[in-house]
Amino acid sequence: MYQKERLNPYPEAVSIAINEYAEECDTLKQFISENYVTISTANTLMKDFTTRYNEWCKLNHYPPSNSRTLASELRNEGWRVENGNYNKMIINGIGLRE
């Protein structure tokens, strides 16, 4: 029906289901929400973030990633990832949950 009549936008129930599915598939967002908090003054080393992410992926049966890929994904999500002191990559505005 949708293909034939080209209904746009989708009914609300379909849009909600699509968004819920997308959230479930976004392992990076899941990891951040479970393990980090947003604090404007916080910084996290990319190396530490990647290590924790890959440990979390192993526990949850997701494929691991590398720092470069994670940095790119974080930037696409709006996080500031940049070179810090001694050429170490940092993520600005995110801190580890206690």
N, C-alpha and C. Protein backbone atom coordinates (compact mmCIF):
# COMPACT_ATOMS: atom_id res chain seq x y z
N MET A 1 0.83 -1.18 0.00
CA MET A 1 0.00 0.00 0.00
C MET A 1 0.88 1.26 0.00
N TYR A 2 1.90 1.30 0.87
CA TYR A 2 2.74 2.49 0.94
C TYR A 2 3.48 2.73 -0.36
N GLN A 3 3.96 1.65 -0.97
CA GLN A 3 4.71 1.80 -2.20
C GLN A 3 3.79 2.28 -3.33
N LYS A 4 2.59 1.76 -3.35
CA LYS A 4 1.64 2.12 -4.41
C LYS A 4 1.16 3.55 -4.25
N GLU A 5 0.77 3.92 -3.05
CA GLU A 5 0.19 5.25 -2.82
C GLU A 5 1.21 6.27 -2.33
N ARG A 6 2.41 5.81 -2.01
CA ARG A 6 3.49 6.69 -1.55
C ARG A 6 3.05 7.60 -0.40
N LEU A 7 2.55 6.95 0.64
CA LEU A 7 2.13 7.71 1.81
C LEU A 7 3.35 8.31 2.50
N ASN A 8 3.30 9.58 2.69
CA ASN A 8 4.40 10.25 3.36
C ASN A 8 3.83 11.46 4.07
N PRO A 9 3.98 11.65 5.30
CA PRO A 9 4.81 10.83 6.17
C PRO A 9 4.11 9.53 6.54
N TYR A 10 4.89 8.63 7.10
CA TYR A 10 4.33 7.37 7.55
C TYR A 10 3.37 7.63 8.71
N PRO A 11 2.45 6.71 8.95
CA PRO A 11 1.61 6.84 10.14
C PRO A 11 2.49 6.88 11.39
N GLU A 12 1.98 7.51 12.43
CA GLU A 12 2.76 7.71 13.65
C GLU A 12 3.27 6.40 14.23
N ALA A 13 2.45 5.36 14.22
CA ALA A 13 2.87 4.07 14.78
C ALA A 13 4.06 3.50 14.03
N VAL A 14 4.10 3.68 12.72
CA VAL A 14 5.22 3.19 11.91
C VAL A 14 6.48 4.01 12.22
N SER A 15 6.33 5.31 12.31
CA SER A 15 7.48 6.17 12.64
C SER A 15 8.06 5.83 14.01
N ILE A 16 7.20 5.57 14.98
CA ILE A 16 7.65 5.21 16.33
C ILE A 16 8.41 3.88 16.27
N ALA A 17 7.88 2.91 15.56
CA ALA A 17 8.53 1.60 15.46
C ALA A 17 9.89 1.72 14.78
N ILE A 18 9.99 2.53 13.75
CA ILE A 18 11.26 2.74 13.05
C ILE A 18 12.28 3.37 13.99
N ASN A 19 11.87 4.39 14.73
CA ASN A 19 12.78 5.06 15.67
C ASN A 19 13.23 4.13 16.79
N GLU A 20 12.32 3.33 17.32
CA GLU A 20 12.68 2.38 18.38
C GLU A 20 13.68 1.35 17.87
N TYR A 21 13.46 0.87 16.66
CA TYR A 21 14.37 -0.10 16.07
C TYR A 21 15.76 0.51 15.86
N ALA A 22 15.79 1.74 15.37
CA ALA A 22 17.07 2.42 15.15
C ALA A 22 17.83 2.60 16.47
N GLU A 23 17.12 2.96 17.54
CA GLU A 23 17.75 3.11 18.85
C GLU A 23 18.32 1.78 19.36
N GLU A 24 17.57 0.70 19.17
CA GLU A 24 18.02 -0.61 19.61
C GLU A 24 19.28 -1.05 18.87
N CYS A 25 19.42 -0.64 17.62
CA CYS A 25 20.56 -1.04 16.80
C CYS A 25 21.78 -0.16 17.02
N ASP A 26 21.64 0.96 17.67
CA ASP A 26 22.75 1.89 17.86
C ASP A 26 23.52 1.52 19.13
N THR A 27 24.51 0.65 18.96
CA THR A 27 25.26 0.17 20.11
C THR A 27 26.06 1.28 20.78
N LEU A 28 26.54 2.24 20.01
CA LEU A 28 27.31 3.33 20.60
C LEU A 28 26.46 4.15 21.56
N LYS A 29 25.25 4.49 21.15
CA LYS A 29 24.35 5.24 22.03
C LYS A 29 24.00 4.43 23.28
N GLN A 30 23.78 3.13 23.11
CA GLN A 30 23.48 2.28 24.25
C GLN A 30 24.65 2.29 25.24
N PHE A 31 25.86 2.13 24.71
CA PHE A 31 27.05 2.11 25.55
C PHE A 31 27.20 3.42 26.31
N ILE A 32 27.06 4.53 25.62
CA ILE A 32 27.22 5.83 26.26
C ILE A 32 26.17 6.03 27.35
N SER A 33 24.92 5.71 27.06
CA SER A 33 23.87 5.94 28.05
C SER A 33 24.04 5.06 29.29
N GLU A 34 24.62 3.87 29.12
CA GLU A 34 24.82 2.98 30.26
C GLU A 34 26.07 3.32 31.08
N ASN A 35 27.07 3.90 30.44
CA ASN A 35 28.38 4.04 31.09
C ASN A 35 28.89 5.46 31.27
N TYR A 36 28.28 6.44 30.64
CA TYR A 36 28.80 7.81 30.69
C TYR A 36 27.69 8.81 30.99
N VAL A 37 28.11 9.97 31.45
CA VAL A 37 27.19 11.09 31.67
C VAL A 37 27.71 12.29 30.88
N THR A 38 26.79 13.14 30.50
CA THR A 38 27.16 14.35 29.78
C THR A 38 27.44 15.46 30.78
N ILE A 39 28.68 15.92 30.78
CA ILE A 39 29.12 17.01 31.67
C ILE A 39 30.01 17.91 30.82
N SER A 40 29.63 19.17 30.70
CA SER A 40 30.36 20.07 29.80
C SER A 40 31.83 20.21 30.16
N THR A 41 32.19 20.05 31.42
CA THR A 41 33.58 20.23 31.84
C THR A 41 34.39 18.94 31.81
N ALA A 42 33.75 17.82 31.49
CA ALA A 42 34.44 16.52 31.51
C ALA A 42 35.13 16.24 30.18
N ASN A 43 36.20 15.48 30.26
CA ASN A 43 36.91 14.98 29.09
C ASN A 43 37.24 13.52 29.32
N THR A 44 37.18 12.73 28.27
CA THR A 44 37.51 11.32 28.36
C THR A 44 38.54 10.99 27.29
N LEU A 45 39.58 10.27 27.67
CA LEU A 45 40.57 9.85 26.68
C LEU A 45 39.95 8.84 25.72
N MET A 46 40.19 9.05 24.44
CA MET A 46 39.65 8.16 23.42
C MET A 46 40.15 6.73 23.62
N LYS A 47 41.39 6.58 24.04
CA LYS A 47 41.96 5.25 24.27
C LYS A 47 41.17 4.51 25.35
N ASP A 48 40.87 5.19 26.46
CA ASP A 48 40.10 4.57 27.54
C ASP A 48 38.67 4.26 27.10
N PHE A 49 38.08 5.18 26.37
CA PHE A 49 36.71 4.99 25.86
C PHE A 49 36.66 3.76 24.96
N THR A 50 37.63 3.64 24.06
CA THR A 50 37.65 2.51 23.13
C THR A 50 37.83 1.19 23.87
N THR A 51 38.71 1.17 24.86
CA THR A 51 38.92 -0.05 25.64
C THR A 51 37.64 -0.46 26.35
N ARG A 52 36.98 0.50 26.99
CA ARG A 52 35.72 0.20 27.70
C ARG A 52 34.63 -0.24 26.71
N TYR A 53 34.56 0.44 25.57
CA TYR A 53 33.56 0.10 24.56
C TYR A 53 33.75 -1.34 24.08
N ASN A 54 34.98 -1.72 23.78
CA ASN A 54 35.23 -3.06 23.28
C ASN A 54 34.98 -4.13 24.35
N GLU A 55 35.25 -3.83 25.62
CA GLU A 55 34.91 -4.76 26.70
C GLU A 55 33.40 -4.93 26.79
N TRP A 56 32.67 -3.81 26.69
CA TRP A 56 31.22 -3.83 26.74
C TRP A 56 30.66 -4.63 25.55
N CYS A 57 31.25 -4.41 24.37
CA CYS A 57 30.80 -5.14 23.17
C CYS A 57 30.99 -6.65 23.35
N LYS A 58 32.11 -7.03 23.92
CA LYS A 58 32.38 -8.45 24.14
C LYS A 58 31.33 -9.06 25.07
N LEU A 59 31.02 -8.35 26.16
CA LEU A 59 30.02 -8.83 27.11
C LEU A 59 28.62 -8.93 26.50
N ASN A 60 28.33 -8.04 25.55
CA ASN A 60 26.99 -7.97 24.96
C ASN A 60 26.91 -8.60 23.57
N HIS A 61 27.97 -9.27 23.17
CA HIS A 61 28.01 -9.99 21.89
C HIS A 61 27.85 -9.09 20.67
N TYR A 62 28.50 -7.92 20.72
CA TYR A 62 28.55 -7.01 19.58
C TYR A 62 29.97 -7.01 19.03
N PRO A 63 30.14 -6.68 17.77
CA PRO A 63 31.49 -6.62 17.23
C PRO A 63 32.26 -5.42 17.80
N PRO A 64 33.56 -5.59 18.04
CA PRO A 64 34.37 -4.48 18.56
C PRO A 64 34.64 -3.44 17.48
N SER A 65 35.24 -2.35 17.88
CA SER A 65 35.57 -1.27 16.96
C SER A 65 36.95 -0.72 17.30
N ASN A 66 37.43 0.20 16.48
CA ASN A 66 38.72 0.82 16.76
C ASN A 66 38.52 2.31 17.03
N SER A 67 39.55 2.96 17.53
CA SER A 67 39.46 4.37 17.92
C SER A 67 39.05 5.27 16.77
N ARG A 68 39.60 5.03 15.61
CA ARG A 68 39.31 5.89 14.45
C ARG A 68 37.83 5.82 14.07
N THR A 69 37.31 4.61 14.02
CA THR A 69 35.89 4.44 13.67
C THR A 69 34.99 5.04 14.74
N LEU A 70 35.32 4.78 16.00
CA LEU A 70 34.52 5.34 17.09
C LEU A 70 34.57 6.86 17.09
N ALA A 71 35.73 7.44 16.86
CA ALA A 71 35.86 8.90 16.82
C ALA A 71 34.98 9.48 15.71
N SER A 72 34.97 8.84 14.57
CA SER A 72 34.14 9.29 13.46
C SER A 72 32.65 9.20 13.81
N GLU A 73 32.25 8.09 14.41
CA GLU A 73 30.85 7.92 14.81
C GLU A 73 30.46 8.94 15.88
N LEU A 74 31.36 9.19 16.83
CA LEU A 74 31.07 10.19 17.86
C LEU A 74 30.90 11.57 17.25
N ARG A 75 31.77 11.93 16.32
CA ARG A 75 31.64 13.24 15.65
C ARG A 75 30.32 13.33 14.90
N ASN A 76 29.93 12.25 14.24
CA ASN A 76 28.65 12.25 13.52
C ASN A 76 27.46 12.43 14.45
N GLU A 77 27.62 12.02 15.70
CA GLU A 77 26.57 12.19 16.71
C GLU A 77 26.63 13.54 17.41
N GLY A 78 27.63 14.35 17.06
CA GLY A 78 27.71 15.70 17.62
C GLY A 78 28.71 15.89 18.74
N TRP A 79 29.45 14.85 19.10
CA TRP A 79 30.46 14.96 20.15
C TRP A 79 31.71 15.61 19.58
N ARG A 80 32.41 16.37 20.42
CA ARG A 80 33.69 16.98 20.01
C ARG A 80 34.82 16.03 20.38
N VAL A 81 35.49 15.52 19.37
CA VAL A 81 36.63 14.64 19.55
C VAL A 81 37.82 15.36 18.93
N GLU A 82 38.86 15.60 19.75
CA GLU A 82 39.99 16.38 19.25
C GLU A 82 41.28 15.96 19.92
N ASN A 83 42.38 16.48 19.40
CA ASN A 83 43.68 16.19 19.99
C ASN A 83 43.84 16.96 21.28
N GLY A 84 44.28 16.25 22.32
CA GLY A 84 44.56 16.87 23.61
C GLY A 84 46.06 16.99 23.80
N ASN A 85 46.48 17.06 25.03
CA ASN A 85 47.90 17.14 25.35
C ASN A 85 48.62 15.88 24.89
N TYR A 86 49.86 16.04 24.47
CA TYR A 86 50.70 14.93 24.04
C TYR A 86 50.07 14.13 22.90
N ASN A 87 49.30 14.83 22.06
CA ASN A 87 48.67 14.24 20.88
C ASN A 87 47.73 13.08 21.22
N LYS A 88 47.12 13.10 22.39
CA LYS A 88 46.14 12.08 22.77
C LYS A 88 44.75 12.60 22.43
N MET A 89 43.96 11.75 21.80
CA MET A 89 42.60 12.13 21.43
C MET A 89 41.71 12.15 22.68
N ILE A 90 40.87 13.18 22.77
CA ILE A 90 39.92 13.27 23.88
C ILE A 90 38.52 13.53 23.36
N ILE A 91 37.55 13.10 24.14
CA ILE A 91 36.14 13.37 23.85
C ILE A 91 35.71 14.41 24.87
N ASN A 92 35.26 15.55 24.39
CA ASN A 92 34.83 16.63 25.27
C ASN A 92 33.37 16.47 25.67
N GLY A 93 33.09 16.75 26.94
CA GLY A 93 31.71 16.80 27.41
C GLY A 93 31.13 15.48 27.86
N ILE A 94 31.98 14.50 28.06
CA ILE A 94 31.48 13.19 28.47
C ILE A 94 32.36 12.65 29.60
N GLY A 95 31.71 12.14 30.65
CA GLY A 95 32.45 11.62 31.80
C GLY A 95 31.93 10.26 32.19
N LEU A 96 32.80 9.44 32.73
CA LEU A 96 32.46 8.08 33.13
C LEU A 96 31.50 8.11 34.33
N ARG A 97 30.47 7.29 34.26
CA ARG A 97 29.55 7.15 35.41
C ARG A 97 30.28 6.50 36.56
N GLU A 98 29.93 6.91 37.76
CA GLU A 98 30.57 6.32 38.96
C GLU A 98 29.70 5.24 39.53
